Protein backbone atom coordinates (compact mmCIF):
# COMPACT_ATOMS: atom_id res chain seq x y z
CA MET A 1 -128.21 -4.97 29.13
CA SER A 2 -126.14 -7.28 28.88
CA ARG A 3 -124.18 -9.71 30.81
CA GLN A 4 -121.43 -11.52 31.06
CA LEU A 5 -121.17 -15.74 30.94
CA ASN A 6 -118.33 -17.85 31.32
CA LEU A 7 -118.71 -21.22 29.52
CA ARG A 8 -116.14 -24.00 28.94
CA VAL A 9 -116.47 -26.05 26.15
CA SER A 10 -114.34 -27.87 23.72
CA ASP A 11 -111.66 -26.72 21.14
CA GLN A 12 -113.49 -28.02 18.73
CA PHE A 13 -116.63 -26.30 19.49
CA ALA A 14 -115.40 -22.98 20.42
CA GLU A 15 -113.23 -22.92 17.30
CA ARG A 16 -116.14 -23.45 14.84
CA LEU A 17 -117.78 -20.45 16.88
CA ASP A 18 -114.88 -18.74 16.08
CA ARG A 19 -115.12 -19.51 12.54
CA VAL A 20 -119.16 -19.05 11.85
CA ALA A 21 -118.38 -15.73 13.48
CA LYS A 22 -115.97 -14.45 11.63
CA ARG A 23 -117.55 -15.26 8.69
CA PHE A 24 -120.37 -13.66 9.48
CA GLY A 25 -118.41 -10.43 11.20
CA GLN A 26 -119.91 -10.60 14.20
CA PRO A 27 -119.10 -11.38 18.09
CA MET A 28 -118.98 -15.12 18.93
CA ALA A 29 -121.49 -13.78 21.70
CA THR A 30 -123.84 -12.47 19.56
CA VAL A 31 -123.84 -15.90 16.73
CA ILE A 32 -124.46 -18.01 20.41
CA GLU A 33 -126.81 -15.51 20.63
CA SER A 34 -128.43 -15.74 17.90
CA LEU A 35 -128.43 -19.46 17.37
CA GLY A 36 -129.31 -20.39 21.18
CA THR A 37 -132.56 -18.08 21.66
CA PRO A 38 -135.20 -20.24 19.50
CA ALA A 39 -133.57 -22.90 20.65
CA LEU A 40 -134.32 -22.19 23.92
CA GLU A 41 -137.73 -20.55 22.86
CA ALA A 42 -138.34 -24.58 21.91
CA ALA A 43 -137.02 -25.66 25.46
CA GLU A 44 -139.38 -22.93 26.99
CA ALA A 45 -142.16 -24.38 24.83
CA ASP A 46 -142.08 -27.66 25.69
CA ALA A 47 -141.06 -27.77 29.77
CA GLN A 48 -144.35 -25.62 29.12
CA PHE A 49 -146.55 -28.16 27.67
CA GLU A 50 -144.93 -31.01 29.28
CA ALA A 51 -145.84 -28.86 32.95
CA GLU A 52 -149.52 -28.61 31.31
CA ALA A 53 -150.03 -32.39 30.66
CA PHE A 54 -148.36 -33.53 33.62
CA THR A 55 -150.80 -31.17 35.86
CA ALA A 56 -153.77 -32.62 34.03
CA TRP A 57 -152.83 -35.71 34.65
CA GLU A 58 -152.51 -35.60 37.94
CA GLU A 59 -155.72 -33.79 38.28
CA PHE A 60 -156.87 -36.90 36.31
CA GLN A 61 -156.01 -39.53 38.86
CA LEU A 62 -157.07 -37.32 41.57
CA THR A 63 -160.16 -36.66 40.37
CA GLY A 64 -161.67 -38.87 37.56
CA ARG A 65 -161.93 -35.36 36.05
CA HIS A 66 -160.94 -35.71 32.44
CA VAL A 67 -160.60 -33.29 29.44
CA THR A 68 -162.64 -33.55 26.07
CA SER A 69 -160.56 -34.84 23.29
CA ASP A 70 -161.67 -31.41 21.18
CA ALA A 71 -159.67 -29.80 23.70
CA ILE A 72 -156.63 -32.17 23.79
CA THR A 73 -156.57 -31.09 20.22
CA ALA A 74 -156.46 -28.06 20.86
CA MET A 75 -153.68 -28.75 23.23
CA PHE A 76 -151.55 -29.74 20.12
CA ASP A 77 -152.92 -27.77 17.72
CA SER A 78 -151.66 -24.90 20.13
CA ALA A 79 -148.13 -26.74 20.54
CA LEU A 80 -147.78 -27.49 17.30
CA ILE A 81 -148.14 -23.23 16.22
CA ARG A 82 -145.80 -22.79 18.71
CA SER A 83 -143.49 -25.20 17.58
CA LYS A 84 -144.01 -24.17 14.13
CA ALA A 85 -143.56 -20.09 15.13
CA VAL A 86 -139.64 -21.08 16.80
CA ALA A 87 -138.81 -23.18 13.18
CA ALA A 88 -139.99 -20.05 11.05
CA SER A 89 -137.62 -17.41 13.62
CA ASP A 90 -134.56 -20.06 12.93
CA GLY A 91 -135.38 -20.25 9.15
CA ARG A 92 -135.83 -23.32 8.97
């Protein structure tokens, strides 16, 4: 299933997108989706990490309970793994 979106972009962006789409022989929508998907995944992972960190900070301020350094290390390791997976899927 697909959905149509109408976006207002600069003329320069539209021209660059058109050139890339023609070079790869793909519709502009396909190019945008292939470039945008990894960026969206990274943004979602960042937002999730930020929400979890904010929640942990609020809980600490309210209760004084804290997370061990091992748990923090595990959280950062998990974020690193997610970011590497996104970068790998982007071909970096």
